[in-house]
Amino acid sequence: MPDNPFKGAILALIREFPLGLTEYDLIQRLQERDETFAVDGENADLALFRKHFLVMNALYQLQSELYDAGMYLSISPLDIRLEPVQASGLPSPPAENSAALRDYYLSWDNLLQTGSADVAAMLRRFHARYLALDERQKAMQTLELPADARWETIKQTYRRLAAQHHPDKGGDPARFRAIRAAYEILLQCYSM
């Protein structure tokens, strides 16, 4: 595995901020200190993907190296920090994050073979999932249900509210349509 050229600068930043950094802060500070990190590209999303990949690759390389030296590098997009390994049980490097994620970022082929179209597809999938979660939350609120309601509860609540607000029974047509639309969204979410 090739050595990441930004590993030293990233380690210096992590040590400079012992209370932790977000990935965003790490990238911003790295760009301020090293103009070669400003990955140029005609596509801004692709350039951002490359910066993200280089940071994650360096972090995972450092995580293994530092663990062997008695330090644990905790990697989370919102909290990157170095802690001493203690007998009380910080996990070994691969255990904190899924092995698949770690393996993805440690493979340079994933950086080299990812183009603008791939990044656009990743962003579309991300936005579709995000919107689906947002729609699901609104649908649960429309049905007056908690976010963790089980499917059987959703169906029972839908039937009760639909019967209560059905226009043929004197209910409000707009409220009935909202209830039906919420149920259709949840039906799609639970059938995925």
N, C-alpha and C. Protein backbone atom coordinates (compact mmCIF):
# COMPACT_ATOMS: atom_id res chain seq x y z
N MET A 1 0.85 -1.18 0.00
CA MET A 1 0.00 0.00 0.00
C MET A 1 0.89 1.24 0.00
N PRO A 2 0.67 2.16 -0.94
CA PRO A 2 1.47 3.38 -0.99
C PRO A 2 1.24 4.24 0.26
N ASP A 3 2.28 4.93 0.65
CA ASP A 3 2.17 5.82 1.80
C ASP A 3 1.47 7.10 1.38
N ASN A 4 0.54 7.56 2.18
CA ASN A 4 -0.21 8.78 1.89
C ASN A 4 0.69 9.99 2.15
N PRO A 5 0.86 10.88 1.17
CA PRO A 5 1.77 12.01 1.34
C PRO A 5 1.30 13.05 2.37
N PHE A 6 0.04 12.97 2.78
CA PHE A 6 -0.50 13.95 3.73
C PHE A 6 -0.55 13.41 5.16
N LYS A 7 -0.08 12.20 5.35
CA LYS A 7 -0.16 11.54 6.65
C LYS A 7 0.53 12.35 7.75
N GLY A 8 1.73 12.83 7.49
CA GLY A 8 2.48 13.59 8.49
C GLY A 8 1.77 14.88 8.89
N ALA A 9 1.26 15.61 7.89
CA ALA A 9 0.55 16.86 8.17
C ALA A 9 -0.74 16.59 8.94
N ILE A 10 -1.41 15.52 8.60
CA ILE A 10 -2.67 15.17 9.30
C ILE A 10 -2.37 14.79 10.75
N LEU A 11 -1.33 14.00 10.96
CA LEU A 11 -0.95 13.63 12.33
C LEU A 11 -0.58 14.86 13.15
N ALA A 12 0.15 15.78 12.55
CA ALA A 12 0.52 17.02 13.26
C ALA A 12 -0.72 17.80 13.67
N LEU A 13 -1.71 17.88 12.80
CA LEU A 13 -2.95 18.59 13.13
C LEU A 13 -3.72 17.88 14.25
N ILE A 14 -3.77 16.57 14.19
CA ILE A 14 -4.48 15.81 15.23
C ILE A 14 -3.81 16.03 16.58
N ARG A 15 -2.50 16.05 16.59
CA ARG A 15 -1.78 16.28 17.85
C ARG A 15 -1.95 17.73 18.33
N GLU A 16 -2.10 18.64 17.41
CA GLU A 16 -2.27 20.05 17.76
C GLU A 16 -3.64 20.30 18.41
N PHE A 17 -4.62 19.45 18.10
CA PHE A 17 -5.97 19.62 18.63
C PHE A 17 -6.37 18.36 19.41
N PRO A 18 -5.87 18.23 20.65
CA PRO A 18 -6.11 17.01 21.42
C PRO A 18 -7.58 16.77 21.79
N LEU A 19 -8.40 17.80 21.74
CA LEU A 19 -9.82 17.62 22.05
C LEU A 19 -10.60 17.12 20.84
N GLY A 20 -9.93 16.99 19.71
CA GLY A 20 -10.56 16.44 18.52
C GLY A 20 -10.85 17.49 17.47
N LEU A 21 -11.02 16.98 16.26
CA LEU A 21 -11.35 17.80 15.09
C LEU A 21 -12.46 17.11 14.31
N THR A 22 -13.23 17.89 13.59
CA THR A 22 -14.15 17.29 12.63
C THR A 22 -13.37 17.06 11.34
N GLU A 23 -13.89 16.22 10.48
CA GLU A 23 -13.24 16.01 9.19
C GLU A 23 -13.20 17.33 8.41
N TYR A 24 -14.28 18.10 8.48
CA TYR A 24 -14.33 19.39 7.78
C TYR A 24 -13.20 20.30 8.27
N ASP A 25 -13.04 20.42 9.60
CA ASP A 25 -11.97 21.26 10.14
C ASP A 25 -10.60 20.76 9.71
N LEU A 26 -10.43 19.45 9.73
CA LEU A 26 -9.16 18.87 9.32
C LEU A 26 -8.83 19.23 7.87
N ILE A 27 -9.80 19.10 7.00
CA ILE A 27 -9.60 19.44 5.58
C ILE A 27 -9.28 20.93 5.42
N GLN A 28 -10.04 21.78 6.11
CA GLN A 28 -9.80 23.22 6.01
C GLN A 28 -8.40 23.59 6.47
N ARG A 29 -7.98 23.06 7.59
CA ARG A 29 -6.66 23.38 8.13
C ARG A 29 -5.55 22.82 7.24
N LEU A 30 -5.78 21.65 6.69
CA LEU A 30 -4.80 21.04 5.79
C LEU A 30 -4.64 21.89 4.52
N GLN A 31 -5.74 22.41 4.00
CA GLN A 31 -5.68 23.27 2.80
C GLN A 31 -4.93 24.56 3.10
N GLU A 32 -5.09 25.10 4.32
CA GLU A 32 -4.39 26.33 4.69
C GLU A 32 -2.89 26.12 4.78
N ARG A 33 -2.47 24.93 5.19
CA ARG A 33 -1.05 24.65 5.42
C ARG A 33 -0.33 24.06 4.22
N ASP A 34 -1.06 23.42 3.32
CA ASP A 34 -0.41 22.69 2.23
C ASP A 34 -1.19 22.91 0.94
N GLU A 35 -0.66 23.79 0.11
CA GLU A 35 -1.38 24.11 -1.14
C GLU A 35 -1.49 22.92 -2.08
N THR A 36 -0.64 21.92 -1.92
CA THR A 36 -0.76 20.73 -2.78
C THR A 36 -1.98 19.90 -2.42
N PHE A 37 -2.55 20.14 -1.23
CA PHE A 37 -3.76 19.41 -0.86
C PHE A 37 -4.99 19.94 -1.57
N ALA A 38 -4.93 21.15 -2.07
CA ALA A 38 -6.06 21.73 -2.79
C ALA A 38 -6.19 20.98 -4.12
N VAL A 39 -6.80 19.80 -4.06
CA VAL A 39 -6.92 18.94 -5.24
C VAL A 39 -7.70 19.68 -6.31
N ASP A 40 -7.02 19.96 -7.41
CA ASP A 40 -7.68 20.66 -8.50
C ASP A 40 -8.46 19.68 -9.35
N GLY A 41 -9.46 20.18 -9.95
CA GLY A 41 -10.26 19.36 -10.86
C GLY A 41 -11.30 20.23 -11.51
N GLU A 42 -11.76 19.79 -12.64
CA GLU A 42 -12.79 20.58 -13.31
C GLU A 42 -14.13 20.42 -12.64
N ASN A 43 -14.27 19.37 -11.81
CA ASN A 43 -15.53 19.10 -11.15
C ASN A 43 -15.34 19.27 -9.64
N ALA A 44 -16.06 20.20 -9.04
CA ALA A 44 -15.90 20.50 -7.61
C ALA A 44 -16.26 19.29 -6.74
N ASP A 45 -17.29 18.54 -7.12
CA ASP A 45 -17.68 17.36 -6.33
C ASP A 45 -16.59 16.30 -6.36
N LEU A 46 -15.98 16.11 -7.52
CA LEU A 46 -14.90 15.13 -7.64
C LEU A 46 -13.69 15.58 -6.82
N ALA A 47 -13.38 16.87 -6.85
CA ALA A 47 -12.26 17.39 -6.06
C ALA A 47 -12.52 17.17 -4.57
N LEU A 48 -13.75 17.42 -4.13
CA LEU A 48 -14.10 17.21 -2.72
C LEU A 48 -14.00 15.72 -2.36
N PHE A 49 -14.48 14.85 -3.24
CA PHE A 49 -14.37 13.41 -3.00
C PHE A 49 -12.90 13.03 -2.83
N ARG A 50 -12.03 13.54 -3.68
CA ARG A 50 -10.61 13.19 -3.60
C ARG A 50 -9.98 13.67 -2.29
N LYS A 51 -10.34 14.88 -1.85
CA LYS A 51 -9.83 15.38 -0.57
C LYS A 51 -10.30 14.48 0.57
N HIS A 52 -11.58 14.16 0.55
CA HIS A 52 -12.16 13.29 1.57
C HIS A 52 -11.44 11.93 1.57
N PHE A 53 -11.25 11.36 0.39
CA PHE A 53 -10.61 10.06 0.29
C PHE A 53 -9.19 10.11 0.84
N LEU A 54 -8.42 11.13 0.45
CA LEU A 54 -7.04 11.25 0.93
C LEU A 54 -6.97 11.38 2.45
N VAL A 55 -7.90 12.13 3.04
CA VAL A 55 -7.93 12.27 4.49
C VAL A 55 -8.27 10.93 5.15
N MET A 56 -9.30 10.27 4.66
CA MET A 56 -9.70 8.99 5.26
C MET A 56 -8.61 7.93 5.08
N ASN A 57 -7.98 7.91 3.93
CA ASN A 57 -6.89 6.97 3.69
C ASN A 57 -5.77 7.19 4.70
N ALA A 58 -5.38 8.44 4.88
CA ALA A 58 -4.31 8.76 5.84
C ALA A 58 -4.72 8.39 7.26
N LEU A 59 -5.97 8.67 7.62
CA LEU A 59 -6.44 8.36 8.97
C LEU A 59 -6.39 6.86 9.24
N TYR A 60 -6.85 6.07 8.29
CA TYR A 60 -6.83 4.62 8.50
C TYR A 60 -5.41 4.06 8.52
N GLN A 61 -4.51 4.63 7.71
CA GLN A 61 -3.11 4.20 7.78
C GLN A 61 -2.53 4.56 9.16
N LEU A 62 -2.80 5.79 9.60
CA LEU A 62 -2.31 6.22 10.90
C LEU A 62 -2.91 5.41 12.04
N GLN A 63 -4.17 5.04 11.91
CA GLN A 63 -4.83 4.31 12.98
C GLN A 63 -4.07 3.01 13.31
N SER A 64 -3.69 2.28 12.29
CA SER A 64 -2.94 1.04 12.51
C SER A 64 -1.56 1.31 13.10
N GLU A 65 -0.86 2.27 12.53
CA GLU A 65 0.48 2.59 12.99
C GLU A 65 0.49 3.09 14.44
N LEU A 66 -0.44 3.96 14.77
CA LEU A 66 -0.49 4.54 16.11
C LEU A 66 -0.93 3.52 17.15
N TYR A 67 -1.81 2.62 16.76
CA TYR A 67 -2.26 1.59 17.70
C TYR A 67 -1.08 0.72 18.12
N ASP A 68 -0.24 0.40 17.16
CA ASP A 68 0.95 -0.39 17.45
C ASP A 68 1.89 0.36 18.40
N ALA A 69 1.80 1.68 18.41
CA ALA A 69 2.64 2.51 19.28
C ALA A 69 1.93 2.87 20.59
N GLY A 70 0.77 2.26 20.86
CA GLY A 70 0.08 2.50 22.12
C GLY A 70 -0.92 3.65 22.11
N MET A 71 -1.24 4.18 20.93
CA MET A 71 -2.21 5.27 20.83
C MET A 71 -3.37 4.81 19.94
N TYR A 72 -4.55 5.28 20.27
CA TYR A 72 -5.73 4.90 19.50
C TYR A 72 -6.27 6.13 18.77
N LEU A 73 -6.38 6.04 17.45
CA LEU A 73 -6.93 7.12 16.65
C LEU A 73 -8.41 6.82 16.40
N SER A 74 -9.25 7.60 17.02
CA SER A 74 -10.70 7.46 16.86
C SER A 74 -11.12 8.25 15.62
N ILE A 75 -11.80 7.56 14.69
CA ILE A 75 -12.16 8.18 13.41
C ILE A 75 -13.67 8.26 13.28
N SER A 76 -14.18 9.48 13.27
CA SER A 76 -15.58 9.75 13.02
C SER A 76 -15.61 11.10 12.30
N PRO A 77 -16.49 11.28 11.32
CA PRO A 77 -16.50 12.56 10.61
C PRO A 77 -16.65 13.78 11.52
N LEU A 78 -17.30 13.58 12.67
CA LEU A 78 -17.52 14.71 13.58
C LEU A 78 -16.55 14.74 14.75
N ASP A 79 -15.69 13.73 14.86
CA ASP A 79 -14.75 13.70 15.98
C ASP A 79 -13.57 12.78 15.66
N ILE A 80 -12.46 13.40 15.34
CA ILE A 80 -11.22 12.68 15.07
C ILE A 80 -10.27 13.06 16.20
N ARG A 81 -9.84 12.06 16.97
CA ARG A 81 -8.98 12.36 18.11
C ARG A 81 -8.07 11.20 18.42
N LEU A 82 -6.97 11.52 19.10
CA LEU A 82 -5.97 10.53 19.49
C LEU A 82 -6.08 10.31 20.99
N GLU A 83 -6.14 9.04 21.40
CA GLU A 83 -6.27 8.70 22.81
C GLU A 83 -5.28 7.58 23.14
N PRO A 84 -4.85 7.51 24.40
CA PRO A 84 -3.97 6.39 24.75
C PRO A 84 -4.77 5.09 24.79
N VAL A 85 -4.14 4.01 24.35
CA VAL A 85 -4.78 2.70 24.45
C VAL A 85 -4.69 2.28 25.92
N GLN A 86 -5.83 1.85 26.45
CA GLN A 86 -5.86 1.45 27.85
C GLN A 86 -6.32 0.00 27.95
N ALA A 87 -5.93 -0.65 29.00
CA ALA A 87 -6.31 -2.05 29.19
C ALA A 87 -7.82 -2.19 29.35
N SER A 88 -8.51 -1.11 29.69
CA SER A 88 -9.95 -1.18 29.91
C SER A 88 -10.74 -1.36 28.63
N GLY A 89 -10.09 -1.28 27.50
CA GLY A 89 -10.78 -1.75 26.34
C GLY A 89 -11.13 -0.87 25.19
N LEU A 90 -10.26 -0.01 24.73
CA LEU A 90 -10.53 0.60 23.44
C LEU A 90 -10.40 -0.48 22.38
N PRO A 91 -11.24 -0.46 21.37
CA PRO A 91 -11.19 -1.53 20.37
C PRO A 91 -9.93 -1.47 19.52
N SER A 92 -9.63 -2.59 18.90
CA SER A 92 -8.53 -2.61 17.95
C SER A 92 -8.95 -1.79 16.74
N PRO A 93 -8.05 -1.27 15.95
CA PRO A 93 -8.40 -0.34 14.87
C PRO A 93 -9.56 -0.74 13.98
N PRO A 94 -9.63 -1.95 13.44
CA PRO A 94 -10.73 -2.22 12.52
C PRO A 94 -12.09 -2.33 13.19
N ALA A 95 -12.14 -2.51 14.51
CA ALA A 95 -13.42 -2.77 15.16
C ALA A 95 -14.31 -1.54 15.25
N GLU A 96 -13.72 -0.35 15.33
CA GLU A 96 -14.54 0.85 15.51
C GLU A 96 -15.40 1.10 14.28
N ASN A 97 -14.86 0.99 13.14
CA ASN A 97 -15.58 1.21 11.90
C ASN A 97 -15.66 -0.11 11.17
N SER A 98 -16.62 -0.23 10.30
CA SER A 98 -16.76 -1.49 9.59
C SER A 98 -15.51 -1.79 8.78
N ALA A 99 -15.20 -3.05 8.69
CA ALA A 99 -14.01 -3.46 7.94
C ALA A 99 -14.15 -3.08 6.48
N ALA A 100 -15.38 -3.13 5.95
CA ALA A 100 -15.59 -2.78 4.54
C ALA A 100 -15.25 -1.32 4.28
N LEU A 101 -15.64 -0.44 5.20
CA LEU A 101 -15.34 0.99 5.04
C LEU A 101 -13.82 1.22 5.11
N ARG A 102 -13.20 0.60 6.07
CA ARG A 102 -11.75 0.71 6.23
C ARG A 102 -11.05 0.20 4.97
N ASP A 103 -11.46 -0.97 4.49
CA ASP A 103 -10.85 -1.56 3.29
C ASP A 103 -11.05 -0.65 2.06
N TYR A 104 -12.23 -0.04 1.97
CA TYR A 104 -12.50 0.86 0.84
C TYR A 104 -11.49 2.00 0.81
N TYR A 105 -11.29 2.65 1.95
CA TYR A 105 -10.40 3.81 1.99
C TYR A 105 -8.92 3.43 1.94
N LEU A 106 -8.58 2.22 2.25
CA LEU A 106 -7.18 1.81 2.17
C LEU A 106 -6.79 1.31 0.78
N SER A 107 -7.76 1.20 -0.12
CA SER A 107 -7.46 0.78 -1.49
C SER A 107 -7.34 1.99 -2.40
N TRP A 108 -6.12 2.25 -2.90
CA TRP A 108 -5.89 3.38 -3.79
C TRP A 108 -6.69 3.26 -5.08
N ASP A 109 -7.02 2.02 -5.48
CA ASP A 109 -7.82 1.83 -6.70
C ASP A 109 -9.15 2.56 -6.60
N ASN A 110 -9.72 2.62 -5.40
CA ASN A 110 -11.00 3.32 -5.24
C ASN A 110 -10.87 4.82 -5.49
N LEU A 111 -9.72 5.36 -5.20
CA LEU A 111 -9.46 6.77 -5.52
C LEU A 111 -9.22 6.95 -7.01
N LEU A 112 -8.37 6.11 -7.55
CA LEU A 112 -7.96 6.26 -8.95
C LEU A 112 -9.07 5.94 -9.95
N GLN A 113 -9.97 5.04 -9.59
CA GLN A 113 -11.00 4.61 -10.52
C GLN A 113 -12.33 5.35 -10.36
N THR A 114 -12.40 6.29 -9.44
CA THR A 114 -13.64 7.05 -9.22
C THR A 114 -13.58 8.35 -10.01
N GLY A 115 -14.52 8.50 -10.94
CA GLY A 115 -14.58 9.69 -11.77
C GLY A 115 -15.78 10.57 -11.43
N SER A 116 -15.96 11.60 -12.18
CA SER A 116 -17.05 12.56 -11.96
C SER A 116 -18.41 11.88 -11.98
N ALA A 117 -18.64 10.98 -12.93
CA ALA A 117 -19.94 10.30 -13.03
C ALA A 117 -20.19 9.44 -11.80
N ASP A 118 -19.14 8.79 -11.28
CA ASP A 118 -19.28 7.96 -10.08
C ASP A 118 -19.66 8.82 -8.87
N VAL A 119 -18.99 9.95 -8.73
CA VAL A 119 -19.28 10.85 -7.61
C VAL A 119 -20.71 11.39 -7.72
N ALA A 120 -21.13 11.75 -8.93
CA ALA A 120 -22.50 12.24 -9.13
C ALA A 120 -23.51 11.16 -8.74
N ALA A 121 -23.24 9.91 -9.09
CA ALA A 121 -24.14 8.81 -8.73
C ALA A 121 -24.18 8.61 -7.21
N MET A 122 -23.01 8.70 -6.56
CA MET A 122 -22.97 8.58 -5.09
C MET A 122 -23.79 9.69 -4.44
N LEU A 123 -23.66 10.90 -4.94
CA LEU A 123 -24.41 12.02 -4.37
C LEU A 123 -25.91 11.86 -4.59
N ARG A 124 -26.30 11.36 -5.77
CA ARG A 124 -27.74 11.12 -6.02
C ARG A 124 -28.28 10.08 -5.04
N ARG A 125 -27.54 9.00 -4.82
CA ARG A 125 -27.99 7.97 -3.87
C ARG A 125 -28.09 8.53 -2.46
N PHE A 126 -27.10 9.33 -2.08
CA PHE A 126 -27.12 9.94 -0.75
C PHE A 126 -28.36 10.83 -0.59
N HIS A 127 -28.60 11.69 -1.58
CA HIS A 127 -29.74 12.60 -1.49
C HIS A 127 -31.07 11.85 -1.50
N ALA A 128 -31.15 10.78 -2.27
CA ALA A 128 -32.39 9.98 -2.30
C ALA A 128 -32.64 9.36 -0.93
N ARG A 129 -31.60 8.83 -0.29
CA ARG A 129 -31.77 8.25 1.05
C ARG A 129 -32.14 9.32 2.05
N TYR A 130 -31.48 10.48 1.96
CA TYR A 130 -31.77 11.57 2.89
C TYR A 130 -33.22 12.04 2.74
N LEU A 131 -33.65 12.22 1.50
CA LEU A 131 -35.03 12.65 1.27
C LEU A 131 -36.02 11.60 1.74
N ALA A 132 -35.69 10.33 1.53
CA ALA A 132 -36.57 9.26 1.97
C ALA A 132 -36.73 9.29 3.49
N LEU A 133 -35.63 9.52 4.21
CA LEU A 133 -35.71 9.61 5.67
C LEU A 133 -36.54 10.81 6.10
N ASP A 134 -36.35 11.93 5.42
CA ASP A 134 -37.11 13.14 5.73
C ASP A 134 -38.60 12.93 5.48
N GLU A 135 -38.92 12.31 4.33
CA GLU A 135 -40.32 12.03 4.00
C GLU A 135 -40.92 11.06 5.00
N ARG A 136 -40.16 10.06 5.42
CA ARG A 136 -40.64 9.08 6.38
C ARG A 136 -40.98 9.77 7.69
N GLN A 137 -40.11 10.66 8.14
CA GLN A 137 -40.35 11.37 9.40
C GLN A 137 -41.63 12.21 9.31
N LYS A 138 -41.83 12.91 8.21
CA LYS A 138 -43.04 13.72 8.04
C LYS A 138 -44.28 12.84 7.98
N ALA A 139 -44.16 11.68 7.32
CA ALA A 139 -45.29 10.75 7.23
C ALA A 139 -45.66 10.23 8.61
N MET A 140 -44.67 9.91 9.42
CA MET A 140 -44.95 9.43 10.78
C MET A 140 -45.64 10.52 11.60
N GLN A 141 -45.22 11.76 11.41
CA GLN A 141 -45.86 12.86 12.12
C GLN A 141 -47.31 13.04 11.66
N THR A 142 -47.56 12.90 10.36
CA THR A 142 -48.92 13.01 9.83
C THR A 142 -49.83 11.97 10.46
N LEU A 143 -49.29 10.76 10.65
CA LEU A 143 -50.08 9.69 11.26
C LEU A 143 -50.02 9.72 12.78
N GLU A 144 -49.37 10.75 13.32
CA GLU A 144 -49.28 10.97 14.77
C GLU A 144 -48.62 9.79 15.47
N LEU A 145 -47.54 9.29 14.87
CA LEU A 145 -46.84 8.13 15.39
C LEU A 145 -45.40 8.50 15.77
N PRO A 146 -44.83 7.77 16.75
CA PRO A 146 -43.42 7.99 17.07
C PRO A 146 -42.55 7.43 15.94
N ALA A 147 -41.34 7.92 15.83
CA ALA A 147 -40.44 7.52 14.75
C ALA A 147 -40.11 6.03 14.77
N ASP A 148 -40.20 5.39 15.92
CA ASP A 148 -39.84 3.98 16.02
C ASP A 148 -41.04 3.03 15.97
N ALA A 149 -42.19 3.53 15.51
CA ALA A 149 -43.39 2.69 15.45
C ALA A 149 -43.18 1.50 14.52
N ARG A 150 -43.70 0.37 14.91
CA ARG A 150 -43.58 -0.85 14.10
C ARG A 150 -44.63 -0.83 12.99
N TRP A 151 -44.39 -1.66 11.97
CA TRP A 151 -45.26 -1.68 10.80
C TRP A 151 -46.70 -2.01 11.16
N GLU A 152 -46.93 -2.95 12.05
CA GLU A 152 -48.30 -3.30 12.45
C GLU A 152 -49.01 -2.10 13.07
N THR A 153 -48.32 -1.34 13.88
CA THR A 153 -48.90 -0.13 14.50
C THR A 153 -49.21 0.91 13.43
N ILE A 154 -48.33 1.04 12.45
CA ILE A 154 -48.56 2.00 11.36
C ILE A 154 -49.84 1.63 10.61
N LYS A 155 -49.99 0.36 10.25
CA LYS A 155 -51.19 -0.08 9.51
C LYS A 155 -52.46 0.15 10.32
N GLN A 156 -52.43 -0.20 11.60
CA GLN A 156 -53.61 -0.01 12.46
C GLN A 156 -53.97 1.46 12.59
N THR A 157 -52.97 2.30 12.80
CA THR A 157 -53.20 3.74 12.94
C THR A 157 -53.73 4.32 11.64
N TYR A 158 -53.16 3.90 10.52
CA TYR A 158 -53.65 4.37 9.22
C TYR A 158 -55.12 4.03 9.05
N ARG A 159 -55.49 2.79 9.29
CA ARG A 159 -56.90 2.36 9.13
C ARG A 159 -57.83 3.18 10.01
N ARG A 160 -57.42 3.39 11.26
CA ARG A 160 -58.25 4.16 12.19
C ARG A 160 -58.41 5.61 11.72
N LEU A 161 -57.28 6.25 11.36
CA LEU A 161 -57.35 7.65 10.92
C LEU A 161 -58.07 7.80 9.58
N ALA A 162 -57.86 6.85 8.66
CA ALA A 162 -58.53 6.91 7.36
C ALA A 162 -60.04 6.79 7.55
N ALA A 163 -60.47 5.89 8.40
CA ALA A 163 -61.91 5.73 8.66
C ALA A 163 -62.46 6.98 9.34
N GLN A 164 -61.73 7.52 10.27
CA GLN A 164 -62.17 8.71 11.01
C GLN A 164 -62.29 9.94 10.11
N HIS A 165 -61.39 10.10 9.14
CA HIS A 165 -61.35 11.31 8.32
C HIS A 165 -61.86 11.10 6.89
N HIS A 166 -62.45 9.96 6.62
CA HIS A 166 -62.93 9.67 5.26
C HIS A 166 -64.05 10.65 4.91
N PRO A 167 -64.00 11.24 3.70
CA PRO A 167 -65.03 12.22 3.30
C PRO A 167 -66.44 11.64 3.29
N ASP A 168 -66.60 10.36 3.00
CA ASP A 168 -67.93 9.74 3.02
C ASP A 168 -68.52 9.67 4.41
N LYS A 169 -67.68 9.85 5.43
CA LYS A 169 -68.15 9.81 6.82
C LYS A 169 -68.08 11.19 7.45
N GLY A 170 -68.03 12.22 6.60
CA GLY A 170 -68.04 13.59 7.10
C GLY A 170 -66.67 14.15 7.42
N GLY A 171 -65.62 13.42 7.05
CA GLY A 171 -64.26 13.88 7.34
C GLY A 171 -63.78 14.91 6.33
N ASP A 172 -62.67 15.50 6.65
CA ASP A 172 -62.05 16.52 5.81
C ASP A 172 -61.30 15.84 4.66
N PRO A 173 -61.65 16.13 3.40
CA PRO A 173 -60.97 15.50 2.26
C PRO A 173 -59.46 15.76 2.23
N ALA A 174 -59.04 16.97 2.58
CA ALA A 174 -57.61 17.30 2.57
C ALA A 174 -56.86 16.48 3.62
N ARG A 175 -57.45 16.36 4.79
CA ARG A 175 -56.81 15.56 5.86
C ARG A 175 -56.75 14.09 5.45
N PHE A 176 -57.80 13.59 4.83
CA PHE A 176 -57.82 12.20 4.37
C PHE A 176 -56.72 11.97 3.33
N ARG A 177 -56.56 12.91 2.38
CA ARG A 177 -55.52 12.76 1.36
C ARG A 177 -54.12 12.77 1.98
N ALA A 178 -53.93 13.61 2.99
CA ALA A 178 -52.63 13.67 3.67
C ALA A 178 -52.32 12.35 4.39
N ILE A 179 -53.35 11.79 5.01
CA ILE A 179 -53.18 10.51 5.71
C ILE A 179 -52.85 9.42 4.69
N ARG A 180 -53.56 9.40 3.59
CA ARG A 180 -53.33 8.39 2.55
C ARG A 180 -51.91 8.55 1.95
N ALA A 181 -51.51 9.79 1.68
CA ALA A 181 -50.17 10.03 1.11
C ALA A 181 -49.09 9.59 2.10
N ALA A 182 -49.27 9.87 3.38
CA ALA A 182 -48.30 9.46 4.40
C ALA A 182 -48.20 7.94 4.44
N TYR A 183 -49.32 7.27 4.36
CA TYR A 183 -49.31 5.80 4.37
C TYR A 183 -48.59 5.26 3.14
N GLU A 184 -48.79 5.87 1.99
CA GLU A 184 -48.13 5.41 0.75
C GLU A 184 -46.60 5.57 0.87
N ILE A 185 -46.16 6.65 1.47
CA ILE A 185 -44.71 6.86 1.67
C ILE A 185 -44.15 5.78 2.58
N LEU A 186 -44.86 5.51 3.67
CA LEU A 186 -44.38 4.49 4.62
C LEU A 186 -44.43 3.10 4.01
N LEU A 187 -45.42 2.86 3.19
CA LEU A 187 -45.51 1.57 2.50
C LEU A 187 -44.29 1.35 1.62
N GLN A 188 -43.86 2.40 0.92
CA GLN A 188 -42.64 2.30 0.10
C GLN A 188 -41.40 2.11 0.95
N CYS A 189 -41.33 2.82 2.07
CA CYS A 189 -40.16 2.71 2.95
C CYS A 189 -40.03 1.29 3.52
N TYR A 190 -41.15 0.70 3.91
CA TYR A 190 -41.11 -0.62 4.54
C TYR A 190 -41.02 -1.75 3.53
N SER A 191 -41.27 -1.47 2.27
CA SER A 191 -41.18 -2.53 1.27
C SER A 191 -39.80 -2.57 0.62
N MET A 192 -38.91 -1.62 0.98
CA MET A 192 -37.55 -1.58 0.40
C MET A 192 -36.70 -2.67 1.03
